[in-house]
């Protein structure tokens, strides 16, 4: 009888620990997959915005031909965003693209005929809608990253995370002041 209790305790430990590790591992994998999915959704909306930019630039170009540098900057920023290799580089490129788009829209403000152009208004509405989707996706991605990073840092799950080399992810944030800066437009 006295031998059975220690054997029972040993059996619970030998079975319980591996089951606990498997459970924590599966939760970490699921959380990591949620982050990857949230990034894929964000990336889809960012690409959608990039697809709209050439049409917008061409429409505005027809009215403001002397603003060539602003249009070239917008296209360069778009290309950099499309070719960014990872979320951090994409975040930086997207922030530059947002600034370039602000410059294009600032130019449009100077041309009343352009602001009345149906194609331009349609593109502007489409971009505005897309910006809303991007904001939602960015928020969802950041929530998923927060959940993953929290799961990776709490004890005792952090021991399993370290054992299987799970890594934290960076938020898709905007640098301080970036969205508050006025675009610089020269006429």
N, C-alpha and C. Protein backbone atom coordinates (compact mmCIF):
# COMPACT_ATOMS: atom_id res chain seq x y z
N UNK A 1 0.81 -1.20 0.00
CA UNK A 1 0.00 0.00 0.00
C UNK A 1 0.86 1.27 0.00
N UNK A 2 1.91 1.27 0.79
CA UNK A 2 2.77 2.45 0.86
C UNK A 2 3.58 2.63 -0.42
N UNK A 3 3.79 1.59 -1.20
CA UNK A 3 4.53 1.68 -2.45
C UNK A 3 3.62 2.20 -3.57
N UNK A 4 2.34 1.95 -3.45
CA UNK A 4 1.39 2.33 -4.49
C UNK A 4 1.24 3.85 -4.59
N UNK A 5 1.20 4.56 -3.50
CA UNK A 5 1.02 6.02 -3.50
C UNK A 5 2.18 6.71 -4.21
N UNK A 6 3.45 6.41 -3.89
CA UNK A 6 4.54 7.06 -4.62
C UNK A 6 4.54 6.69 -6.12
N UNK A 7 4.17 5.45 -6.45
CA UNK A 7 4.10 5.06 -7.87
C UNK A 7 2.98 5.80 -8.58
N UNK A 8 1.89 6.00 -7.89
CA UNK A 8 0.78 6.75 -8.46
C UNK A 8 1.16 8.21 -8.70
N UNK A 9 1.85 8.79 -7.76
CA UNK A 9 2.33 10.17 -7.91
C UNK A 9 3.31 10.26 -9.06
N UNK A 10 4.23 9.32 -9.16
CA UNK A 10 5.20 9.28 -10.25
C UNK A 10 4.49 9.12 -11.60
N UNK A 11 3.48 8.29 -11.68
CA UNK A 11 2.73 8.08 -12.92
C UNK A 11 2.01 9.35 -13.34
N UNK A 12 1.41 10.05 -12.37
CA UNK A 12 0.73 11.31 -12.67
C UNK A 12 1.72 12.33 -13.20
N UNK A 13 2.88 12.42 -12.61
CA UNK A 13 3.91 13.37 -13.06
C UNK A 13 4.39 12.99 -14.46
N UNK A 14 4.69 11.71 -14.67
CA UNK A 14 5.21 11.27 -15.96
C UNK A 14 4.19 11.44 -17.09
N UNK A 15 2.92 11.32 -16.78
CA UNK A 15 1.89 11.52 -17.79
C UNK A 15 1.43 12.98 -17.86
N UNK A 16 1.36 13.63 -16.72
CA UNK A 16 0.84 14.99 -16.66
C UNK A 16 1.73 16.03 -17.30
N UNK A 17 3.02 15.95 -17.07
CA UNK A 17 3.95 16.94 -17.62
C UNK A 17 3.96 16.91 -19.15
N UNK A 18 4.10 15.75 -19.79
CA UNK A 18 4.06 15.75 -21.26
C UNK A 18 2.71 16.26 -21.80
N UNK A 19 1.63 15.89 -21.16
CA UNK A 19 0.32 16.38 -21.61
C UNK A 19 0.22 17.89 -21.45
N UNK A 20 0.75 18.42 -20.38
CA UNK A 20 0.75 19.86 -20.17
C UNK A 20 1.60 20.54 -21.24
N UNK A 21 2.79 20.01 -21.54
CA UNK A 21 3.66 20.58 -22.58
C UNK A 21 2.96 20.57 -23.93
N UNK A 22 2.31 19.47 -24.25
CA UNK A 22 1.57 19.37 -25.52
C UNK A 22 0.46 20.42 -25.56
N UNK A 23 -0.25 20.58 -24.48
CA UNK A 23 -1.34 21.55 -24.42
C UNK A 23 -0.82 22.98 -24.62
N UNK A 24 0.24 23.34 -23.93
CA UNK A 24 0.82 24.68 -24.06
C UNK A 24 1.37 24.88 -25.48
N UNK A 25 2.05 23.89 -26.00
CA UNK A 25 2.59 23.98 -27.36
C UNK A 25 1.47 24.23 -28.38
N UNK A 26 0.40 23.46 -28.27
CA UNK A 26 -0.72 23.62 -29.21
C UNK A 26 -1.36 25.00 -29.09
N UNK A 27 -1.46 25.52 -27.89
CA UNK A 27 -2.02 26.86 -27.70
C UNK A 27 -1.11 27.91 -28.32
N UNK A 28 0.20 27.75 -28.16
CA UNK A 28 1.14 28.70 -28.76
C UNK A 28 1.10 28.64 -30.29
N UNK A 29 0.99 27.45 -30.85
CA UNK A 29 0.88 27.31 -32.30
C UNK A 29 -0.39 27.98 -32.80
N UNK A 30 -1.50 27.76 -32.12
CA UNK A 30 -2.77 28.38 -32.52
C UNK A 30 -2.68 29.91 -32.47
N UNK A 31 -2.07 30.42 -31.42
CA UNK A 31 -1.93 31.86 -31.27
C UNK A 31 -1.01 32.43 -32.35
N UNK A 32 0.07 31.74 -32.64
CA UNK A 32 0.98 32.17 -33.71
C UNK A 32 0.26 32.16 -35.06
N UNK A 33 -0.56 31.15 -35.30
CA UNK A 33 -1.31 31.08 -36.55
C UNK A 33 -2.32 32.22 -36.67
N UNK A 34 -2.91 32.63 -35.54
CA UNK A 34 -3.81 33.77 -35.56
C UNK A 34 -3.08 35.04 -35.96
N UNK A 35 -1.85 35.20 -35.48
CA UNK A 35 -1.04 36.35 -35.88
C UNK A 35 -0.75 36.31 -37.37
N UNK A 36 -0.36 35.14 -37.87
CA UNK A 36 -0.07 35.01 -39.30
C UNK A 36 -1.31 35.31 -40.14
N UNK A 37 -2.46 34.84 -39.70
CA UNK A 37 -3.70 35.11 -40.42
C UNK A 37 -4.04 36.60 -40.39
N UNK A 38 -3.88 37.21 -39.24
CA UNK A 38 -4.17 38.65 -39.13
C UNK A 38 -3.23 39.45 -40.03
N UNK A 39 -1.97 39.03 -40.12
CA UNK A 39 -1.04 39.72 -41.01
C UNK A 39 -1.46 39.54 -42.47
N UNK A 40 -1.87 38.34 -42.83
CA UNK A 40 -2.30 38.08 -44.21
C UNK A 40 -3.49 38.96 -44.58
N UNK A 41 -4.43 39.14 -43.65
CA UNK A 41 -5.58 40.01 -43.90
C UNK A 41 -5.13 41.46 -44.06
N UNK A 42 -4.21 41.89 -43.21
CA UNK A 42 -3.68 43.25 -43.30
C UNK A 42 -2.96 43.44 -44.62
N UNK A 43 -2.13 42.47 -44.97
CA UNK A 43 -1.36 42.54 -46.21
C UNK A 43 -2.28 42.63 -47.43
N UNK A 44 -3.38 41.92 -47.41
CA UNK A 44 -4.34 41.97 -48.51
C UNK A 44 -4.89 43.38 -48.69
N UNK A 45 -5.24 44.02 -47.60
CA UNK A 45 -5.76 45.39 -47.69
C UNK A 45 -4.68 46.38 -48.10
N UNK A 46 -3.46 46.17 -47.64
CA UNK A 46 -2.37 47.05 -48.04
C UNK A 46 -2.10 46.92 -49.54
N UNK A 47 -2.16 45.71 -50.05
CA UNK A 47 -1.98 45.50 -51.50
C UNK A 47 -3.13 46.13 -52.28
N UNK A 48 -4.33 46.04 -51.72
CA UNK A 48 -5.48 46.67 -52.39
C UNK A 48 -5.25 48.16 -52.53
N UNK A 49 -4.75 48.79 -51.47
CA UNK A 49 -4.47 50.22 -51.54
C UNK A 49 -3.39 50.49 -52.58
N UNK A 50 -2.37 49.68 -52.60
CA UNK A 50 -1.29 49.87 -53.58
C UNK A 50 -1.80 49.72 -55.01
N UNK A 51 -2.76 48.85 -55.22
CA UNK A 51 -3.33 48.67 -56.56
C UNK A 51 -4.12 49.89 -57.02
N UNK A 52 -4.68 50.63 -56.08
CA UNK A 52 -5.46 51.82 -56.43
C UNK A 52 -4.58 53.03 -56.74
N UNK A 53 -3.38 53.06 -56.22
CA UNK A 53 -2.54 54.25 -56.31
C UNK A 53 -2.19 54.63 -57.75
N UNK A 54 -1.78 53.71 -58.62
CA UNK A 54 -1.46 54.14 -59.99
C UNK A 54 -2.65 54.82 -60.68
N UNK A 55 -3.85 54.33 -60.47
CA UNK A 55 -5.04 54.97 -61.07
C UNK A 55 -5.25 56.37 -60.51
N UNK A 56 -5.07 56.51 -59.21
CA UNK A 56 -5.22 57.81 -58.58
C UNK A 56 -4.17 58.78 -59.13
N UNK A 57 -2.94 58.34 -59.18
CA UNK A 57 -1.85 59.21 -59.67
C UNK A 57 -2.11 59.62 -61.12
N UNK A 58 -2.52 58.69 -61.96
CA UNK A 58 -2.79 59.02 -63.36
C UNK A 58 -3.93 60.02 -63.49
N UNK A 59 -4.94 59.87 -62.67
CA UNK A 59 -6.08 60.79 -62.71
C UNK A 59 -5.63 62.19 -62.30
N UNK A 60 -4.89 62.29 -61.23
CA UNK A 60 -4.44 63.59 -60.74
C UNK A 60 -3.42 64.18 -61.70
N UNK A 61 -2.57 63.33 -62.27
CA UNK A 61 -1.53 63.78 -63.20
C UNK A 61 -2.12 64.56 -64.38
N UNK A 62 -3.27 64.13 -64.84
CA UNK A 62 -3.90 64.80 -65.96
C UNK A 62 -4.25 66.25 -65.66
N UNK A 63 -4.45 66.58 -64.42
CA UNK A 63 -4.82 67.94 -64.03
C UNK A 63 -3.62 68.74 -63.53
N UNK A 64 -2.66 68.07 -62.98
CA UNK A 64 -1.54 68.77 -62.34
C UNK A 64 -0.22 68.24 -62.89
N UNK A 65 0.03 68.53 -64.15
CA UNK A 65 1.21 67.97 -64.81
C UNK A 65 2.53 68.49 -64.25
N UNK A 66 2.54 69.65 -63.64
CA UNK A 66 3.80 70.20 -63.12
C UNK A 66 4.17 69.65 -61.74
N UNK A 67 3.42 68.70 -61.22
CA UNK A 67 3.69 68.10 -59.91
C UNK A 67 4.38 66.74 -60.05
N UNK A 68 5.21 66.60 -61.05
CA UNK A 68 5.82 65.30 -61.38
C UNK A 68 6.53 64.65 -60.20
N UNK A 69 7.29 65.41 -59.43
CA UNK A 69 8.06 64.85 -58.31
C UNK A 69 7.15 64.22 -57.26
N UNK A 70 6.05 64.85 -56.98
CA UNK A 70 5.11 64.30 -56.00
C UNK A 70 4.56 62.97 -56.47
N UNK A 71 4.23 62.88 -57.76
CA UNK A 71 3.70 61.63 -58.30
C UNK A 71 4.75 60.53 -58.30
N UNK A 72 5.98 60.92 -58.66
CA UNK A 72 7.06 59.92 -58.65
C UNK A 72 7.31 59.40 -57.24
N UNK A 73 7.23 60.28 -56.26
CA UNK A 73 7.41 59.87 -54.86
C UNK A 73 6.31 58.90 -54.44
N UNK A 74 5.09 59.16 -54.88
CA UNK A 74 3.98 58.28 -54.53
C UNK A 74 4.19 56.89 -55.14
N UNK A 75 4.63 56.83 -56.37
CA UNK A 75 4.86 55.54 -57.03
C UNK A 75 6.04 54.82 -56.39
N UNK A 76 7.10 55.54 -56.06
CA UNK A 76 8.26 54.92 -55.38
C UNK A 76 7.84 54.36 -54.02
N UNK A 77 7.04 55.12 -53.29
CA UNK A 77 6.57 54.65 -51.97
C UNK A 77 5.70 53.41 -52.13
N UNK A 78 4.87 53.39 -53.16
CA UNK A 78 4.02 52.22 -53.44
C UNK A 78 4.89 51.01 -53.74
N UNK A 79 5.89 51.18 -54.60
CA UNK A 79 6.76 50.06 -54.96
C UNK A 79 7.52 49.54 -53.74
N UNK A 80 7.98 50.46 -52.88
CA UNK A 80 8.69 50.04 -51.67
C UNK A 80 7.77 49.24 -50.76
N UNK A 81 6.51 49.66 -50.67
CA UNK A 81 5.55 48.95 -49.82
C UNK A 81 5.27 47.55 -50.38
N UNK A 82 5.13 47.45 -51.68
CA UNK A 82 4.85 46.14 -52.28
C UNK A 82 6.03 45.18 -52.15
N UNK A 83 7.24 45.72 -52.10
CA UNK A 83 8.43 44.87 -52.07
C UNK A 83 9.02 44.69 -50.68
N UNK A 84 8.34 45.16 -49.66
CA UNK A 84 8.85 45.02 -48.29
C UNK A 84 8.88 43.54 -47.91
N UNK A 85 10.01 43.07 -47.37
CA UNK A 85 10.17 41.64 -47.11
C UNK A 85 9.52 41.11 -45.83
N UNK A 86 9.18 42.00 -44.90
CA UNK A 86 8.63 41.53 -43.63
C UNK A 86 7.70 42.60 -43.04
N UNK A 87 6.95 42.25 -42.02
CA UNK A 87 6.00 43.22 -41.45
C UNK A 87 6.64 44.52 -40.97
N UNK A 88 7.82 44.45 -40.39
CA UNK A 88 8.46 45.68 -39.90
C UNK A 88 8.82 46.58 -41.07
N UNK A 89 9.42 46.03 -42.12
CA UNK A 89 9.77 46.83 -43.29
C UNK A 89 8.50 47.33 -43.97
N UNK A 90 7.47 46.51 -43.98
CA UNK A 90 6.20 46.90 -44.59
C UNK A 90 5.59 48.06 -43.83
N UNK A 91 5.67 48.02 -42.50
CA UNK A 91 5.13 49.10 -41.68
C UNK A 91 5.80 50.42 -42.04
N UNK A 92 7.12 50.41 -42.14
CA UNK A 92 7.85 51.63 -42.47
C UNK A 92 7.51 52.12 -43.87
N UNK A 93 7.42 51.20 -44.82
CA UNK A 93 7.09 51.57 -46.19
C UNK A 93 5.67 52.10 -46.29
N UNK A 94 4.75 51.49 -45.56
CA UNK A 94 3.36 51.94 -45.59
C UNK A 94 3.22 53.33 -44.98
N UNK A 95 4.01 53.62 -43.96
CA UNK A 95 3.96 54.95 -43.37
C UNK A 95 4.46 56.00 -44.36
N UNK A 96 5.50 55.66 -45.13
CA UNK A 96 5.98 56.57 -46.17
C UNK A 96 4.93 56.73 -47.27
N UNK A 97 4.25 55.65 -47.61
CA UNK A 97 3.21 55.69 -48.63
C UNK A 97 2.04 56.57 -48.17
N UNK A 98 1.69 56.47 -46.92
CA UNK A 98 0.61 57.32 -46.39
C UNK A 98 0.96 58.79 -46.55
N UNK A 99 2.20 59.15 -46.26
CA UNK A 99 2.64 60.53 -46.44
C UNK A 99 2.59 60.96 -47.90
N UNK A 100 2.99 60.05 -48.80
CA UNK A 100 2.96 60.37 -50.23
C UNK A 100 1.52 60.57 -50.71
N UNK A 101 0.61 59.73 -50.21
CA UNK A 101 -0.80 59.88 -50.60
C UNK A 101 -1.37 61.21 -50.10
N UNK A 102 -0.96 61.61 -48.92
CA UNK A 102 -1.43 62.90 -48.40
C UNK A 102 -0.99 64.03 -49.32
N UNK A 103 0.22 63.91 -49.85
CA UNK A 103 0.71 64.94 -50.78
C UNK A 103 -0.11 64.95 -52.06
N UNK A 104 -0.44 63.78 -52.57
CA UNK A 104 -1.26 63.70 -53.79
C UNK A 104 -2.63 64.32 -53.54
N UNK A 105 -3.24 64.02 -52.41
CA UNK A 105 -4.55 64.59 -52.12
C UNK A 105 -4.46 66.10 -51.86
N UNK A 106 -3.34 66.54 -51.31
CA UNK A 106 -3.17 67.98 -51.10
C UNK A 106 -3.10 68.70 -52.45
N UNK A 107 -2.46 68.09 -53.43
CA UNK A 107 -2.42 68.67 -54.77
C UNK A 107 -3.83 68.74 -55.34
N UNK A 108 -4.59 67.69 -55.14
CA UNK A 108 -5.95 67.63 -55.68
C UNK A 108 -6.81 68.76 -55.13
N UNK A 109 -6.55 69.19 -53.92
CA UNK A 109 -7.32 70.27 -53.32
C UNK A 109 -7.15 71.57 -54.10
N UNK A 110 -6.03 71.74 -54.79
CA UNK A 110 -5.75 72.96 -55.52
C UNK A 110 -6.44 73.00 -56.89
N UNK A 111 -7.08 71.91 -57.28
CA UNK A 111 -7.69 71.82 -58.61
C UNK A 111 -9.18 71.50 -58.48
N UNK A 112 -10.03 72.54 -58.53
CA UNK A 112 -11.48 72.31 -58.36
C UNK A 112 -12.06 71.38 -59.43
N UNK A 113 -11.54 71.45 -60.66
CA UNK A 113 -12.06 70.57 -61.70
C UNK A 113 -11.77 69.11 -61.37
N UNK A 114 -10.62 68.87 -60.78
CA UNK A 114 -10.24 67.51 -60.41
C UNK A 114 -11.15 67.00 -59.29
N UNK A 115 -11.41 67.85 -58.32
CA UNK A 115 -12.26 67.43 -57.21
C UNK A 115 -13.68 67.10 -57.67
N UNK A 116 -14.07 67.62 -58.83
CA UNK A 116 -15.40 67.33 -59.37
C UNK A 116 -15.38 66.14 -60.33
N UNK A 117 -14.21 65.65 -60.68
CA UNK A 117 -14.08 64.54 -61.63
C UNK A 117 -14.60 63.25 -60.99
N UNK A 118 -15.53 62.58 -61.67
CA UNK A 118 -16.17 61.38 -61.12
C UNK A 118 -15.16 60.26 -60.88
N UNK A 119 -14.20 60.09 -61.79
CA UNK A 119 -13.18 59.04 -61.62
C UNK A 119 -12.34 59.29 -60.38
N UNK A 120 -11.96 60.56 -60.19
CA UNK A 120 -11.17 60.91 -59.01
C UNK A 120 -11.98 60.69 -57.74
N UNK A 121 -13.24 61.13 -57.74
CA UNK A 121 -14.08 60.96 -56.56
C UNK A 121 -14.28 59.48 -56.22
N UNK A 122 -14.43 58.68 -57.27
CA UNK A 122 -14.59 57.23 -57.05
C UNK A 122 -13.32 56.63 -56.45
N UNK A 123 -12.17 57.02 -56.99
CA UNK A 123 -10.90 56.52 -56.44
C UNK A 123 -10.70 56.99 -55.00
N UNK A 124 -11.05 58.23 -54.75
CA UNK A 124 -10.90 58.77 -53.40
C UNK A 124 -11.79 58.00 -52.42
N UNK A 125 -13.01 57.71 -52.82
CA UNK A 125 -13.92 56.93 -51.97
C UNK A 125 -13.37 55.53 -51.74
N UNK A 126 -12.87 54.92 -52.80
CA UNK A 126 -12.31 53.57 -52.70
C UNK A 126 -11.10 53.55 -51.75
N UNK A 127 -10.25 54.55 -51.87
CA UNK A 127 -9.08 54.64 -50.97
C UNK A 127 -9.51 54.89 -49.52
N UNK A 128 -10.51 55.71 -49.34
CA UNK A 128 -11.00 55.99 -47.99
C UNK A 128 -11.55 54.71 -47.36
N UNK A 129 -12.32 53.97 -48.13
CA UNK A 129 -12.86 52.69 -47.65
C UNK A 129 -11.74 51.73 -47.31
N UNK A 130 -10.76 51.67 -48.19
CA UNK A 130 -9.62 50.77 -47.97
C UNK A 130 -8.83 51.17 -46.72
N UNK A 131 -8.68 52.47 -46.51
CA UNK A 131 -7.98 52.93 -45.30
C UNK A 131 -8.71 52.47 -44.05
N UNK A 132 -10.04 52.46 -44.10
CA UNK A 132 -10.82 51.96 -42.96
C UNK A 132 -10.57 50.48 -42.74
N UNK A 133 -10.53 49.71 -43.82
CA UNK A 133 -10.23 48.28 -43.71
C UNK A 133 -8.82 48.07 -43.16
N UNK A 134 -7.88 48.87 -43.62
CA UNK A 134 -6.50 48.74 -43.13
C UNK A 134 -6.45 49.01 -41.63
N UNK A 135 -7.15 50.03 -41.19
CA UNK A 135 -7.16 50.35 -39.76
C UNK A 135 -7.74 49.18 -38.95
N UNK A 136 -8.82 48.58 -39.45
CA UNK A 136 -9.40 47.43 -38.75
C UNK A 136 -8.44 46.25 -38.74
N UNK A 137 -7.82 45.98 -39.88
CA UNK A 137 -6.88 44.86 -39.96
C UNK A 137 -5.66 45.08 -39.08
N UNK A 138 -5.18 46.32 -39.07
CA UNK A 138 -4.03 46.66 -38.22
C UNK A 138 -4.38 46.42 -36.76
N UNK A 139 -5.57 46.83 -36.37
CA UNK A 139 -6.01 46.63 -34.99
C UNK A 139 -6.11 45.13 -34.66
N UNK A 140 -6.70 44.36 -35.57
CA UNK A 140 -6.83 42.92 -35.36
C UNK A 140 -5.45 42.26 -35.28
N UNK A 141 -4.54 42.66 -36.15
CA UNK A 141 -3.18 42.11 -36.14
C UNK A 141 -2.50 42.44 -34.81
N UNK A 142 -2.60 43.69 -34.39
CA UNK A 142 -1.95 44.08 -33.14
C UNK A 142 -2.54 43.35 -31.93
N UNK A 143 -3.85 43.09 -31.95
CA UNK A 143 -4.46 42.31 -30.87
C UNK A 143 -3.91 40.88 -30.87
N UNK A 144 -3.77 40.30 -32.07
CA UNK A 144 -3.23 38.93 -32.17
C UNK A 144 -1.78 38.89 -31.71
N UNK A 145 -1.00 39.91 -32.06
CA UNK A 145 0.40 39.98 -31.62
C UNK A 145 0.46 40.11 -30.10
N UNK A 146 -0.41 40.93 -29.54
CA UNK A 146 -0.45 41.09 -28.08
C UNK A 146 -0.73 39.75 -27.40
N UNK A 147 -1.71 39.01 -27.91
CA UNK A 147 -2.03 37.71 -27.33
C UNK A 147 -0.85 36.74 -27.44
N UNK A 148 -0.19 36.72 -28.59
CA UNK A 148 0.97 35.84 -28.76
C UNK A 148 2.09 36.25 -27.81
N UNK A 149 2.43 37.53 -27.80
CA UNK A 149 3.53 37.99 -26.95
C UNK A 149 3.23 37.73 -25.47
N UNK A 150 1.99 37.92 -25.06
CA UNK A 150 1.63 37.61 -23.67
C UNK A 150 1.80 36.13 -23.39
N UNK A 151 1.33 35.29 -24.31
CA UNK A 151 1.44 33.84 -24.12
C UNK A 151 2.90 33.40 -24.05
N UNK A 152 3.77 34.08 -24.79
CA UNK A 152 5.18 33.72 -24.79
C UNK A 152 5.92 34.18 -23.54
N UNK A 153 5.36 35.14 -22.83
CA UNK A 153 6.08 35.73 -21.71
C UNK A 153 5.61 35.25 -20.34
N UNK A 154 4.44 34.65 -20.24
CA UNK A 154 3.95 34.25 -18.92
C UNK A 154 4.55 32.92 -18.50
N UNK A 155 4.78 32.81 -17.21
CA UNK A 155 5.32 31.58 -16.65
C UNK A 155 4.16 30.66 -16.32
N UNK A 156 4.27 29.42 -16.55
CA UNK A 156 5.37 28.59 -17.00
C UNK A 156 5.38 28.34 -18.51
N UNK A 157 4.42 28.96 -19.24
CA UNK A 157 4.36 28.74 -20.69
C UNK A 157 5.61 29.24 -21.39
N UNK A 158 6.28 30.25 -20.81
CA UNK A 158 7.50 30.77 -21.45
C UNK A 158 8.61 29.71 -21.51
N UNK A 159 8.58 28.75 -20.62
CA UNK A 159 9.58 27.67 -20.69
C UNK A 159 9.33 26.78 -21.90
N UNK A 160 8.08 26.48 -22.18
CA UNK A 160 7.74 25.70 -23.37
C UNK A 160 8.04 26.51 -24.62
N UNK A 161 7.71 27.80 -24.60
CA UNK A 161 7.97 28.67 -25.76
C UNK A 161 9.47 28.73 -26.06
N UNK A 162 10.27 28.84 -25.03
CA UNK A 162 11.73 28.87 -25.23
C UNK A 162 12.25 27.53 -25.73
N UNK A 163 11.70 26.47 -25.21
CA UNK A 163 12.12 25.12 -25.62
C UNK A 163 11.87 24.89 -27.11
N UNK A 164 10.74 25.40 -27.62
CA UNK A 164 10.39 25.20 -29.03
C UNK A 164 10.70 26.42 -29.90
N UNK A 165 11.43 27.39 -29.34
CA UNK A 165 11.92 28.56 -30.06
C UNK A 165 10.81 29.42 -30.69
N UNK A 166 9.71 29.59 -29.97
CA UNK A 166 8.69 30.54 -30.41
C UNK A 166 9.25 31.94 -30.22
N UNK A 167 8.92 32.85 -31.13
CA UNK A 167 9.44 34.21 -31.02
C UNK A 167 8.29 35.21 -31.01
N UNK A 168 8.52 36.28 -30.28
CA UNK A 168 7.50 37.33 -30.23
C UNK A 168 7.48 38.07 -31.56
N UNK A 169 6.43 38.79 -31.79
CA UNK A 169 6.25 39.56 -33.03
C UNK A 169 6.16 41.03 -32.68
N UNK A 170 6.44 41.87 -33.68
CA UNK A 170 6.33 43.31 -33.49
C UNK A 170 4.96 43.80 -33.90
N UNK A 171 4.51 44.83 -33.23
CA UNK A 171 3.24 45.45 -33.57
C UNK A 171 3.37 46.20 -34.89
N UNK A 172 2.26 46.36 -35.58
CA UNK A 172 2.20 47.17 -36.80
C UNK A 172 1.69 48.53 -36.37
N UNK A 173 2.61 49.33 -35.86
CA UNK A 173 2.21 50.63 -35.34
C UNK A 173 2.69 51.73 -36.26
N UNK A 174 2.28 52.91 -35.94
CA UNK A 174 2.66 54.10 -36.69
C UNK A 174 3.64 54.86 -35.82
N UNK A 175 4.76 55.30 -36.40
CA UNK A 175 5.71 56.08 -35.60
C UNK A 175 5.03 57.30 -34.99
N UNK A 176 5.44 57.70 -33.81
CA UNK A 176 4.82 58.85 -33.16
C UNK A 176 4.84 60.08 -34.06
N UNK A 177 3.68 60.69 -34.23
CA UNK A 177 3.58 61.92 -35.01
C UNK A 177 3.44 61.72 -36.50
N UNK A 178 3.61 60.50 -37.01
CA UNK A 178 3.61 60.28 -38.45
C UNK A 178 2.28 60.65 -39.09
N UNK A 179 1.18 60.31 -38.46
CA UNK A 179 -0.11 60.61 -39.06
C UNK A 179 -0.57 62.03 -38.75
N UNK A 180 0.15 62.73 -37.92
CA UNK A 180 -0.23 64.08 -37.58
C UNK A 180 0.55 65.11 -38.39
N UNK A 181 1.56 64.65 -39.10
CA UNK A 181 2.38 65.57 -39.89
C UNK A 181 1.62 66.01 -41.14
N UNK A 182 1.71 67.30 -41.42
CA UNK A 182 1.09 67.80 -42.63
C UNK A 182 1.97 67.45 -43.82
N UNK A 183 1.36 67.06 -44.95
CA UNK A 183 2.17 66.78 -46.12
C UNK A 183 2.84 68.04 -46.64
N UNK A 184 4.04 67.89 -47.15
CA UNK A 184 4.77 69.03 -47.70
C UNK A 184 4.57 69.06 -49.20
N UNK A 185 3.89 70.07 -49.64
CA UNK A 185 3.59 70.22 -51.07
C UNK A 185 4.15 71.56 -51.54
N UNK A 186 4.88 71.51 -52.63
CA UNK A 186 5.44 72.76 -53.18
C UNK A 186 4.82 73.00 -54.54
N UNK A 187 4.37 74.22 -54.75
CA UNK A 187 3.80 74.59 -56.06
C UNK A 187 4.76 75.51 -56.77
